[in-house]
Amino acid sequence: MSDLIQIAPRPRLPEWLRKPETHFESVHLLKRELRQKRLHTVCESAKCPNIHECFHRGAATFMILGNLCTRGCAFCSVPKGSPAKREFTLDAEEPEHVAEMAAEMRLRYVVITSVNRDELPDGGSTHWAATVRAVRRALPTAKVEVLTPDFCGDMDAVARVLDAGPDVYNHNMETVKRLYGKVRPQADYRQSLDVLAFARKYQPETLTKSGLMVGLGERVEEVEELLRDLRGADVHVATIGQYLQPTRRNMAVAEYVTPAKFDAYRDYGMAQGFQMVFSGPFVRSSYMADVVEEHASAAGGD
């Protein structure tokens, strides 16, 4: 018998989760331009299945504060690092480079996210604010969506980002309460809800948004509880997508959720009073963000 460890094959994807990779030239060109400015995208680092589609339509989610994260979430393929080993750097030119790239792409809607930088006293929020302001100067008519970390519950850091004037404040819950210890061991369910509630109250005119993944082993009633909790925090928009294991080092998929179930989650969420629930197998928090914002804003009302 061979001593080699046999790695079990991944389960075959159902038909509704098979998306062909196309537009290779568009992807290659945009990646080259990003590298020239020392920029990263979550599309690449998190191995998003929509990268070919989004890069072809000239959309990308800029990931600031570098490409190393201080946390080790089980679902995420963004590279991890240790501040103790001095692996982390902060590129002072990054805010201007993001703005330059967004202007070159002629973006009308700019989405910015980041790794967690828990070793920084302000969680990177000053860098965040500088980036939003740089984009505002370069593209004064564009809308800006921020997809932030929890800043370890530091509401001064959240306020610092909001003071820079984003149109949408997004912070992902990612999963249901019961699975936080497994999926997001360095995060806290209540803390993330508090961040969203604070953002809503601090800047009432700013659209608030949060995303979650399904297929991690959650139950239907737990997803419904999370949607109710988000509405309790007065969040305007929810996104729900299928978790897909990005690498073999990440946690396995527990279930491939059917399109009908995604529709049921959408209907339940809308009945709770969201202005928009974007729910489907390929939905990601920043996927089609411009369209989601437009629909949510059109729904209007507080």
Protein backbone atom coordinates (compact mmCIF):
# COMPACT_ATOMS: atom_id res chain seq x y z
CA MET A 1 0.00 0.00 0.00
CA SER A 2 1.30 3.45 -0.85
CA ASP A 3 2.33 5.73 1.99
CA LEU A 4 1.18 8.77 0.03
CA ILE A 5 -1.73 10.69 1.50
CA GLN A 6 -4.71 10.55 -0.81
CA ILE A 7 -6.54 13.88 -1.04
CA ALA A 8 -10.26 13.40 -1.51
CA PRO A 9 -11.53 15.03 -4.70
CA ARG A 10 -13.76 18.05 -4.34
CA PRO A 11 -17.45 17.32 -4.90
CA ARG A 12 -18.61 18.00 -8.42
CA LEU A 13 -20.20 21.41 -8.87
CA PRO A 14 -23.91 21.42 -9.74
CA GLU A 15 -24.89 22.89 -13.09
CA TRP A 16 -25.96 26.23 -11.61
CA LEU A 17 -22.43 26.81 -10.25
CA ARG A 18 -20.48 26.23 -13.44
CA LYS A 19 -19.24 29.51 -14.84
CA PRO A 20 -16.83 29.41 -17.81
CA GLU A 21 -13.65 31.45 -17.68
CA THR A 22 -13.55 33.88 -20.60
CA HIS A 23 -12.17 37.31 -21.50
CA PHE A 24 -8.59 36.27 -20.71
CA GLU A 25 -7.11 39.31 -22.47
CA SER A 26 -9.17 41.74 -20.37
CA VAL A 27 -8.13 39.98 -17.18
CA HIS A 28 -4.45 39.94 -18.14
CA LEU A 29 -4.38 43.61 -19.11
CA LEU A 30 -6.09 44.81 -15.94
CA LYS A 31 -3.87 42.66 -13.73
CA ARG A 32 -0.79 44.13 -15.41
CA GLU A 33 -1.99 47.69 -14.85
CA LEU A 34 -2.76 46.95 -11.20
CA ARG A 35 0.70 45.50 -10.60
CA GLN A 36 2.34 48.55 -12.16
CA LYS A 37 0.72 50.65 -9.42
CA ARG A 38 1.43 48.08 -6.68
CA LEU A 39 -2.31 47.57 -6.19
CA HIS A 40 -4.26 44.52 -5.11
CA THR A 41 -7.86 43.44 -5.65
CA VAL A 42 -9.96 41.15 -3.50
CA CYS A 43 -11.14 39.66 -6.80
CA GLU A 44 -7.69 38.08 -7.20
CA SER A 45 -6.66 37.48 -3.58
CA ALA A 46 -9.98 35.86 -2.60
CA LYS A 47 -10.18 33.89 -5.89
CA CYS A 48 -13.60 35.25 -6.78
CA PRO A 49 -15.46 33.18 -9.41
CA ASN A 50 -16.72 36.38 -11.04
CA ILE A 51 -13.30 37.85 -11.80
CA HIS A 52 -13.41 37.28 -15.58
CA GLU A 53 -16.85 38.84 -15.89
CA CYS A 54 -16.06 41.83 -13.67
CA PHE A 55 -12.62 42.60 -15.10
CA HIS A 56 -14.08 42.44 -18.61
CA ARG A 57 -16.75 45.01 -17.71
CA GLY A 58 -14.06 47.20 -16.18
CA ALA A 59 -15.03 46.58 -12.56
CA ALA A 60 -12.71 45.64 -9.70
CA THR A 61 -12.73 45.87 -5.91
CA PHE A 62 -9.54 47.54 -4.73
CA MET A 63 -8.01 45.94 -1.65
CA ILE A 64 -5.96 48.40 0.39
CA LEU A 65 -3.59 48.10 3.38
CA GLY A 66 -1.50 45.54 1.53
CA ASN A 67 -2.08 41.89 0.69
CA LEU A 68 -1.40 40.28 4.08
CA CYS A 69 -4.13 39.87 6.69
CA THR A 70 -3.69 39.63 10.45
CA ARG A 71 -6.61 37.22 10.76
CA GLY A 72 -7.09 33.63 9.72
CA CYS A 73 -10.75 33.24 8.72
CA ALA A 74 -11.43 29.68 7.62
CA PHE A 75 -13.20 30.66 4.41
CA CYS A 76 -10.71 33.20 3.08
CA SER A 77 -7.72 32.68 0.78
CA VAL A 78 -6.18 36.14 1.27
CA PRO A 79 -2.57 35.57 2.43
CA LYS A 80 -2.03 35.62 6.19
CA GLY A 81 0.94 37.15 7.97
CA SER A 82 2.34 37.84 11.41
CA PRO A 83 3.11 41.41 12.49
CA ALA A 84 5.72 39.99 14.87
CA LYS A 85 7.74 38.87 11.83
CA ARG A 86 7.66 42.41 10.37
CA GLU A 87 6.02 41.16 7.18
CA PHE A 88 3.59 44.06 7.03
CA THR A 89 4.14 47.34 5.25
CA LEU A 90 1.91 50.33 4.62
CA ASP A 91 2.33 51.98 1.24
CA ALA A 92 1.85 55.72 1.76
CA GLU A 93 1.28 56.16 -1.98
CA GLU A 94 -1.49 53.56 -2.14
CA PRO A 95 -4.42 56.03 -1.71
CA GLU A 96 -3.26 58.09 -4.68
CA HIS A 97 -2.53 54.97 -6.74
CA VAL A 98 -6.07 53.69 -6.13
CA ALA A 99 -7.45 57.06 -7.22
CA GLU A 100 -5.26 57.13 -10.33
CA MET A 101 -6.29 53.61 -11.31
CA ALA A 102 -9.98 54.33 -10.74
CA ALA A 103 -9.67 57.44 -12.92
CA GLU A 104 -7.85 55.56 -15.68
CA MET A 105 -10.63 52.94 -15.63
CA ARG A 106 -13.19 55.78 -15.82
CA LEU A 107 -15.14 54.21 -12.99
CA ARG A 108 -18.50 55.67 -12.10
CA TYR A 109 -18.71 53.41 -9.04
CA VAL A 110 -15.63 52.59 -6.95
CA VAL A 111 -15.55 49.75 -4.41
CA ILE A 112 -12.77 49.63 -1.84
CA THR A 113 -12.07 46.91 0.72
CA SER A 114 -9.07 45.91 2.82
CA VAL A 115 -7.34 43.20 4.75
CA ASN A 116 -7.54 43.32 8.55
CA ARG A 117 -4.65 45.24 10.08
CA ASP A 118 -5.27 44.61 13.76
CA GLU A 119 -1.68 45.54 14.64
CA LEU A 120 -2.25 49.18 13.68
CA PRO A 121 -3.54 51.45 16.49
CA ASP A 122 -6.32 52.79 14.26
CA GLY A 123 -6.88 49.54 12.36
CA GLY A 124 -5.81 51.33 9.19
CA SER A 125 -8.77 53.72 9.29
CA THR A 126 -6.64 56.81 8.60
CA HIS A 127 -5.32 55.11 5.45
CA TRP A 128 -8.91 54.17 4.60
CA ALA A 129 -10.07 57.77 4.88
CA ALA A 130 -7.13 59.02 2.80
CA THR A 131 -8.04 56.56 0.05
CA VAL A 132 -11.69 57.58 -0.07
CA ARG A 133 -10.75 61.25 -0.20
CA ALA A 134 -8.17 60.65 -2.95
CA VAL A 135 -10.81 58.87 -5.05
CA ARG A 136 -13.24 61.73 -4.41
CA ARG A 137 -10.68 64.24 -5.73
CA ALA A 138 -9.91 62.16 -8.81
CA LEU A 139 -13.52 61.23 -9.60
CA PRO A 140 -15.81 63.81 -7.99
CA THR A 141 -18.96 62.45 -9.65
CA ALA A 142 -18.31 58.76 -8.93
CA LYS A 143 -20.00 56.91 -6.10
CA VAL A 144 -17.80 55.19 -3.53
CA GLU A 145 -18.61 52.02 -1.58
CA VAL A 146 -16.41 50.90 1.31
CA LEU A 147 -16.32 47.29 2.49
CA THR A 148 -14.53 47.58 5.81
CA PRO A 149 -13.25 45.26 8.52
CA ASP A 150 -14.72 45.55 12.02
CA PHE A 151 -11.76 47.64 13.30
CA CYS A 152 -11.94 45.50 16.47
CA GLY A 153 -15.09 47.39 17.43
CA ASP A 154 -13.35 50.80 17.50
CA MET A 155 -16.19 53.14 16.56
CA ASP A 156 -13.80 56.09 16.26
CA ALA A 157 -12.17 54.19 13.38
CA VAL A 158 -15.57 53.55 11.79
CA ALA A 159 -16.42 57.25 12.14
CA ARG A 160 -13.08 58.21 10.57
CA VAL A 161 -13.98 56.25 7.43
CA LEU A 162 -17.50 57.62 7.34
CA ASP A 163 -16.22 61.19 7.70
CA ALA A 164 -14.42 60.72 4.37
CA GLY A 165 -17.84 60.58 2.72
CA PRO A 166 -18.53 57.14 1.17
CA ASP A 167 -21.94 56.64 -0.40
CA VAL A 168 -22.26 53.07 0.88
CA TYR A 169 -20.86 51.61 4.11
CA ASN A 170 -20.55 47.84 3.84
CA HIS A 171 -19.38 45.45 6.53
CA ASN A 172 -19.92 41.72 6.05
CA MET A 173 -21.40 39.47 8.70
CA GLU A 174 -20.24 36.49 6.57
CA THR A 175 -22.08 33.76 8.48
CA VAL A 176 -24.66 32.94 11.15
CA LYS A 177 -24.03 33.40 14.88
CA ARG A 178 -23.45 29.71 15.68
CA LEU A 179 -20.66 29.33 13.12
CA TYR A 180 -18.60 32.39 14.07
CA GLY A 181 -16.13 30.42 16.16
CA LYS A 182 -15.42 28.15 13.20
CA VAL A 183 -15.68 30.57 10.28
CA ARG A 184 -14.51 33.89 11.82
CA PRO A 185 -12.67 32.92 15.05
CA GLN A 186 -11.14 36.38 15.53
CA ALA A 187 -14.40 38.24 14.99
CA ASP A 188 -17.56 38.68 17.05
CA TYR A 189 -21.14 38.48 15.79
CA ARG A 190 -22.50 41.19 18.08
CA GLN A 191 -19.55 43.47 17.41
CA SER A 192 -20.11 43.32 13.66
CA LEU A 193 -23.79 44.16 14.12
CA ASP A 194 -22.78 47.07 16.37
CA VAL A 195 -20.45 48.42 13.66
CA LEU A 196 -23.31 48.43 11.17
CA ALA A 197 -25.76 49.99 13.63
CA PHE A 198 -23.24 52.71 14.50
CA ALA A 199 -22.60 53.50 10.83
CA ARG A 200 -26.32 53.83 10.20
CA LYS A 201 -26.81 56.23 13.11
CA TYR A 202 -23.60 58.22 12.61
CA GLN A 203 -24.26 58.97 8.94
CA PRO A 204 -28.01 58.46 8.35
CA GLU A 205 -27.73 59.47 4.69
CA THR A 206 -25.18 56.73 3.94
CA LEU A 207 -26.54 53.44 2.62
CA THR A 208 -25.58 50.50 4.86
CA LYS A 209 -24.97 47.03 3.52
CA SER A 210 -23.83 43.59 4.69
CA GLY A 211 -23.14 40.22 3.08
CA LEU A 212 -23.25 36.59 4.12
CA MET A 213 -22.30 33.24 2.67
CA VAL A 214 -24.41 30.09 2.76
CA GLY A 215 -23.33 26.49 2.30
CA LEU A 216 -21.17 26.53 5.45
CA GLY A 217 -23.47 24.30 7.49
CA GLU A 218 -26.01 26.90 8.59
CA ARG A 219 -29.71 26.16 9.04
CA VAL A 220 -32.50 28.07 7.32
CA GLU A 221 -33.80 29.48 10.60
CA GLU A 222 -30.29 30.76 11.43
CA VAL A 223 -30.06 32.66 8.14
CA GLU A 224 -33.48 34.14 8.83
CA GLU A 225 -32.32 35.15 12.32
CA LEU A 226 -29.28 36.89 10.82
CA LEU A 227 -31.46 38.77 8.34
CA ARG A 228 -33.71 39.90 11.20
CA ASP A 229 -30.66 41.00 13.20
CA LEU A 230 -29.42 43.05 10.24
CA ARG A 231 -32.76 44.77 9.99
CA GLY A 232 -32.59 45.34 13.74
CA ALA A 233 -29.38 47.26 13.02
CA ASP A 234 -31.34 49.17 10.33
CA VAL A 235 -29.16 47.86 7.49
CA HIS A 236 -30.55 48.75 4.05
CA VAL A 237 -29.03 46.05 1.80
CA ALA A 238 -28.16 42.37 2.25
CA THR A 239 -26.22 40.16 -0.16
CA ILE A 240 -26.31 36.36 0.03
CA GLY A 241 -24.03 34.06 -1.98
CA GLN A 242 -22.75 30.50 -2.12
CA TYR A 243 -19.53 29.72 -0.28
CA LEU A 244 -17.03 28.09 -2.63
CA GLN A 245 -13.83 26.63 -1.18
CA PRO A 246 -11.07 28.79 -2.69
CA THR A 247 -8.18 26.41 -1.83
CA ARG A 248 -7.82 23.02 -0.16
CA ARG A 249 -6.47 24.81 2.92
CA ASN A 250 -9.84 26.46 3.49
CA MET A 251 -12.89 24.89 5.08
CA ALA A 252 -14.91 22.54 2.92
CA VAL A 253 -18.32 23.33 1.45
CA ALA A 254 -21.09 21.78 3.53
CA GLU A 255 -23.88 22.29 1.00
CA TYR A 256 -24.51 23.62 -2.49
CA VAL A 257 -27.58 25.76 -1.98
CA THR A 258 -30.17 25.60 -4.75
CA PRO A 259 -31.32 28.68 -6.68
CA ALA A 260 -34.82 28.14 -5.26
CA LYS A 261 -33.46 28.43 -1.73
CA PHE A 262 -31.64 31.64 -2.63
CA ASP A 263 -34.93 33.01 -3.93
CA ALA A 264 -36.62 32.05 -0.66
CA TYR A 265 -33.93 33.89 1.34
CA ARG A 266 -34.41 36.95 -0.88
CA ASP A 267 -38.17 36.91 -0.37
CA TYR A 268 -37.80 36.49 3.39
CA GLY A 269 -35.33 39.36 3.59
CA MET A 270 -37.49 41.69 1.53
CA ALA A 271 -40.42 40.88 3.81
CA GLN A 272 -38.29 42.07 6.75
CA GLY A 273 -37.99 45.51 5.17
CA PHE A 274 -34.64 45.60 3.33
CA GLN A 275 -34.49 48.02 0.42
CA MET A 276 -32.61 45.38 -1.57
CA VAL A 277 -31.68 41.72 -1.05
CA PHE A 278 -29.32 40.41 -3.72
CA SER A 279 -29.35 36.63 -3.36
CA GLY A 280 -27.94 33.99 -5.69
CA PRO A 281 -25.22 31.37 -6.12
CA PHE A 282 -22.61 33.75 -7.60
CA VAL A 283 -23.51 36.78 -5.53
CA ARG A 284 -20.61 38.35 -3.63
CA SER A 285 -20.69 41.41 -1.41
CA SER A 286 -19.23 43.72 -4.06
CA TYR A 287 -20.52 41.89 -7.15
CA MET A 288 -22.62 44.22 -9.34
CA ALA A 289 -22.36 46.73 -6.49
CA ASP A 290 -23.34 49.65 -8.72
CA VAL A 291 -26.55 47.93 -9.80
CA VAL A 292 -27.38 46.91 -6.23
CA GLU A 293 -26.88 50.49 -4.98
CA GLU A 294 -29.04 51.88 -7.79
CA HIS A 295 -31.92 49.51 -6.98
CA ALA A 296 -31.62 50.12 -3.23
CA SER A 297 -31.54 53.90 -3.66
CA ALA A 298 -34.53 53.75 -5.98
CA ALA A 299 -36.45 51.85 -3.29
CA GLY A 300 -35.58 54.79 -1.00
CA GLY A 301 -37.09 55.74 2.27
CA ASP A 302 -35.81 55.26 5.80
